[in-house]
Amino acid sequence: MGWCGEDLVDLVGDVSLEAADGLAVSFPRSTDTRPEVASATGKDVAVPSPHPAEFRRRAVELARERAKPIAEVAEDLCISESCLRSWMAQADIDERGGQTRLTSDEKKGALAAEERQASTGA
């Protein structure tokens, strides 16, 4: 596998990935402080989303390559194994649909409907 392990997280918190396919992707940590991020945590403070969608997508791709155990991929990316497994499960649902869990688009739609309902005072 062609990951550049020492370059995954530099001192300022940027994350870089390089896979065997030669694609390299680099992401700064997100500074997303939208209110819906805070409301999702149930707290009154804005909580930044730590990993961009493209980072999550690439992390899932790397885990699915099975060149390394999932735990090792997660460690290389400085995320927990359970976080990576959760992303993988959500990616499976998004790709194939789910009978008991919502896809990401369905979750966004439900959140928007809740916000509309809350703003109308219903």
C-alpha atoms as a PDB file:
ATOM      1  CA  MET A   1       0.000   0.000   0.000  1.00  0.00           C
ATOM      2  CA  GLY A   2       1.323   3.433  -0.831  1.00  0.00           C
ATOM      3  CA  TRP A   3       0.232   5.501   2.167  1.00  0.00           C
ATOM      4  CA  CYS A   4       2.672   8.068   3.376  1.00  0.00           C
ATOM      5  CA  GLY A   5       2.014   7.389   7.064  1.00  0.00           C
ATOM      6  CA  GLU A   6       4.155  10.139   8.541  1.00  0.00           C
ATOM      7  CA  ASP A   7       2.367  12.701   6.355  1.00  0.00           C
ATOM      8  CA  LEU A   8      -1.162  11.734   7.425  1.00  0.00           C
ATOM      9  CA  VAL A   9      -1.434  14.405  10.063  1.00  0.00           C
ATOM     10  CA  ASP A  10       0.990  17.285  10.212  1.00  0.00           C
ATOM     11  CA  LEU A  11       1.521  19.627  13.122  1.00  0.00           C
ATOM     12  CA  VAL A  12      -1.262  22.021  12.135  1.00  0.00           C
ATOM     13  CA  GLY A  13      -3.900  19.315  11.891  1.00  0.00           C
ATOM     14  CA  ASP A  14      -4.181  18.972   8.123  1.00  0.00           C
ATOM     15  CA  VAL A  15      -4.868  15.423   6.938  1.00  0.00           C
ATOM     16  CA  SER A  16      -3.324  13.912   3.808  1.00  0.00           C
ATOM     17  CA  LEU A  17      -4.026  10.566   2.162  1.00  0.00           C
ATOM     18  CA  GLU A  18      -2.124   8.756  -0.550  1.00  0.00           C
ATOM     19  CA  ALA A  19      -3.334   5.391  -1.795  1.00  0.00           C
ATOM     20  CA  ALA A  20      -1.816   2.742  -4.023  1.00  0.00           C
ATOM     21  CA  ASP A  21      -3.743   4.182  -6.954  1.00  0.00           C
ATOM     22  CA  GLY A  22      -1.457   7.223  -6.741  1.00  0.00           C
ATOM     23  CA  LEU A  23      -4.217   9.621  -5.765  1.00  0.00           C
ATOM     24  CA  ALA A  24      -3.248  11.989  -3.003  1.00  0.00           C
ATOM     25  CA  VAL A  25      -5.814  14.058  -1.159  1.00  0.00           C
ATOM     26  CA  SER A  26      -5.184  16.681   1.505  1.00  0.00           C
ATOM     27  CA  PHE A  27      -7.772  18.304   3.755  1.00  0.00           C
ATOM     28  CA  PRO A  28      -7.552  20.996   6.394  1.00  0.00           C
ATOM     29  CA  ARG A  29      -9.611  20.305   9.494  1.00  0.00           C
ATOM     30  CA  SER A  30     -13.074  21.773   9.064  1.00  0.00           C
ATOM     31  CA  THR A  31     -14.113  24.941  10.832  1.00  0.00           C
ATOM     32  CA  ASP A  32     -17.798  24.265  10.208  1.00  0.00           C
ATOM     33  CA  THR A  33     -19.731  25.966  12.988  1.00  0.00           C
ATOM     34  CA  ARG A  34     -23.213  25.916  11.485  1.00  0.00           C
ATOM     35  CA  PRO A  35     -25.994  25.776  14.106  1.00  0.00           C
ATOM     36  CA  GLU A  36     -27.253  22.432  12.802  1.00  0.00           C
ATOM     37  CA  VAL A  37     -23.889  20.914  13.713  1.00  0.00           C
ATOM     38  CA  ALA A  38     -24.380  22.029  17.315  1.00  0.00           C
ATOM     39  CA  SER A  39     -28.028  20.938  17.385  1.00  0.00           C
ATOM     40  CA  ALA A  40     -27.014  17.471  16.242  1.00  0.00           C
ATOM     41  CA  THR A  41     -24.880  17.135  19.364  1.00  0.00           C
ATOM     42  CA  GLY A  42     -27.608  18.383  21.697  1.00  0.00           C
ATOM     43  CA  LYS A  43     -25.361  21.136  23.020  1.00  0.00           C
ATOM     44  CA  ASP A  44     -25.726  24.906  22.934  1.00  0.00           C
ATOM     45  CA  VAL A  45     -22.258  25.462  21.467  1.00  0.00           C
ATOM     46  CA  ALA A  46     -21.251  25.183  17.843  1.00  0.00           C
ATOM     47  CA  VAL A  47     -19.165  22.068  17.296  1.00  0.00           C
ATOM     48  CA  PRO A  48     -17.010  21.936  14.185  1.00  0.00           C
ATOM     49  CA  SER A  49     -17.321  18.942  11.897  1.00  0.00           C
ATOM     50  CA  PRO A  50     -13.837  17.447  12.153  1.00  0.00           C
ATOM     51  CA  HIS A  51     -13.723  15.521   8.886  1.00  0.00           C
ATOM     52  CA  PRO A  52     -14.859  16.723   5.447  1.00  0.00           C
ATOM     53  CA  ALA A  53     -17.096  14.435   3.385  1.00  0.00           C
ATOM     54  CA  GLU A  54     -14.274  13.801   0.894  1.00  0.00           C
ATOM     55  CA  PHE A  55     -11.997  12.646   3.732  1.00  0.00           C
ATOM     56  CA  ARG A  56     -14.691  10.225   4.943  1.00  0.00           C
ATOM     57  CA  ARG A  57     -15.231   8.939   1.395  1.00  0.00           C
ATOM     58  CA  ARG A  58     -11.500   8.324   0.860  1.00  0.00           C
ATOM     59  CA  ALA A  59     -11.144   6.712   4.296  1.00  0.00           C
ATOM     60  CA  VAL A  60     -13.927   4.260   3.410  1.00  0.00           C
ATOM     61  CA  GLU A  61     -12.250   3.522   0.064  1.00  0.00           C
ATOM     62  CA  LEU A  62      -8.930   2.817   1.788  1.00  0.00           C
ATOM     63  CA  ALA A  63     -10.592   0.521   4.326  1.00  0.00           C
ATOM     64  CA  ARG A  64     -12.425  -1.358   1.580  1.00  0.00           C
ATOM     65  CA  GLU A  65      -9.152  -2.015  -0.277  1.00  0.00           C
ATOM     66  CA  ARG A  66      -8.310  -4.358   2.622  1.00  0.00           C
ATOM     67  CA  ALA A  67      -4.574  -3.787   2.146  1.00  0.00           C
ATOM     68  CA  LYS A  68      -4.429  -3.168   5.899  1.00  0.00           C
ATOM     69  CA  PRO A  69      -6.738  -4.151   8.766  1.00  0.00           C
ATOM     70  CA  ILE A  70      -9.473  -1.590   9.419  1.00  0.00           C
ATOM     71  CA  ALA A  71      -8.021  -0.827  12.854  1.00  0.00           C
ATOM     72  CA  GLU A  72      -4.669   0.038  11.272  1.00  0.00           C
ATOM     73  CA  VAL A  73      -6.269   2.218   8.579  1.00  0.00           C
ATOM     74  CA  ALA A  74      -8.181   4.079  11.298  1.00  0.00           C
ATOM     75  CA  GLU A  75      -5.029   4.558  13.370  1.00  0.00           C
ATOM     76  CA  ASP A  76      -3.129   5.849  10.323  1.00  0.00           C
ATOM     77  CA  LEU A  77      -5.911   8.399   9.764  1.00  0.00           C
ATOM     78  CA  CYS A  78      -6.034   9.412  13.445  1.00  0.00           C
ATOM     79  CA  ILE A  79      -9.646   8.329  13.852  1.00  0.00           C
ATOM     80  CA  SER A  80     -11.156   5.565  15.962  1.00  0.00           C
ATOM     81  CA  GLU A  81     -11.883   2.160  14.494  1.00  0.00           C
ATOM     82  CA  SER A  82     -15.544   2.530  15.492  1.00  0.00           C
ATOM     83  CA  CYS A  83     -15.709   5.862  13.647  1.00  0.00           C
ATOM     84  CA  LEU A  84     -14.340   4.293  10.461  1.00  0.00           C
ATOM     85  CA  ARG A  85     -16.677   1.302  10.775  1.00  0.00           C
ATOM     86  CA  SER A  86     -19.597   3.688  11.223  1.00  0.00           C
ATOM     87  CA  TRP A  87     -18.594   5.579   8.065  1.00  0.00           C
ATOM     88  CA  MET A  88     -18.326   2.267   6.202  1.00  0.00           C
ATOM     89  CA  ALA A  89     -21.788   1.174   7.381  1.00  0.00           C
ATOM     90  CA  GLN A  90     -23.299   4.518   6.353  1.00  0.00           C
ATOM     91  CA  ALA A  91     -21.578   4.303   2.948  1.00  0.00           C
ATOM     92  CA  ASP A  92     -23.080   0.818   2.453  1.00  0.00           C
ATOM     93  CA  ILE A  93     -26.548   2.168   3.290  1.00  0.00           C
ATOM     94  CA  ASP A  94     -26.072   5.182   1.004  1.00  0.00           C
ATOM     95  CA  GLU A  95     -25.012   2.924  -1.869  1.00  0.00           C
ATOM     96  CA  ARG A  96     -27.505   0.087  -1.443  1.00  0.00           C
ATOM     97  CA  GLY A  97     -30.317   1.618   0.568  1.00  0.00           C
ATOM     98  CA  GLY A  98     -31.282   0.491   4.005  1.00  0.00           C
ATOM     99  CA  GLN A  99     -34.380  -1.103   5.437  1.00  0.00           C
ATOM    100  CA  THR A 100     -33.754  -0.078   9.039  1.00  0.00           C
ATOM    101  CA  ARG A 101     -31.391   2.910   8.687  1.00  0.00           C
ATOM    102  CA  LEU A 102     -31.726   6.137   6.739  1.00  0.00           C
ATOM    103  CA  THR A 103     -29.432   7.115   3.897  1.00  0.00           C
ATOM    104  CA  SER A 104     -27.503  10.367   4.279  1.00  0.00           C
ATOM    105  CA  ASP A 105     -29.954  12.108   1.928  1.00  0.00           C
ATOM    106  CA  GLU A 106     -32.924  10.839   3.942  1.00  0.00           C
ATOM    107  CA  LYS A 107     -31.272  12.093   7.149  1.00  0.00           C
ATOM    108  CA  LYS A 108     -30.764  15.545   5.595  1.00  0.00           C
ATOM    109  CA  GLY A 109     -34.403  15.616   4.472  1.00  0.00           C
ATOM    110  CA  ALA A 110     -35.651  14.616   7.920  1.00  0.00           C
ATOM    111  CA  LEU A 111     -33.493  17.290   9.556  1.00  0.00           C
ATOM    112  CA  ALA A 112     -34.776  19.934   7.134  1.00  0.00           C
ATOM    113  CA  ALA A 113     -38.373  18.892   7.857  1.00  0.00           C
ATOM    114  CA  GLU A 114     -37.736  19.124  11.621  1.00  0.00           C
ATOM    115  CA  GLU A 115     -36.215  22.572  11.177  1.00  0.00           C
ATOM    116  CA  ARG A 116     -39.196  23.742   9.090  1.00  0.00           C
ATOM    117  CA  GLN A 117     -41.579  22.395  11.698  1.00  0.00           C
ATOM    118  CA  ALA A 118     -39.667  24.064  14.528  1.00  0.00           C
ATOM    119  CA  SER A 119     -39.544  27.405  12.693  1.00  0.00           C
ATOM    120  CA  THR A 120     -43.316  27.381  12.135  1.00  0.00           C
ATOM    121  CA  GLY A 121     -43.919  26.634  15.813  1.00  0.00           C
ATOM    122  CA  ALA A 122     -45.917  23.502  15.090  1.00  0.00           C
END
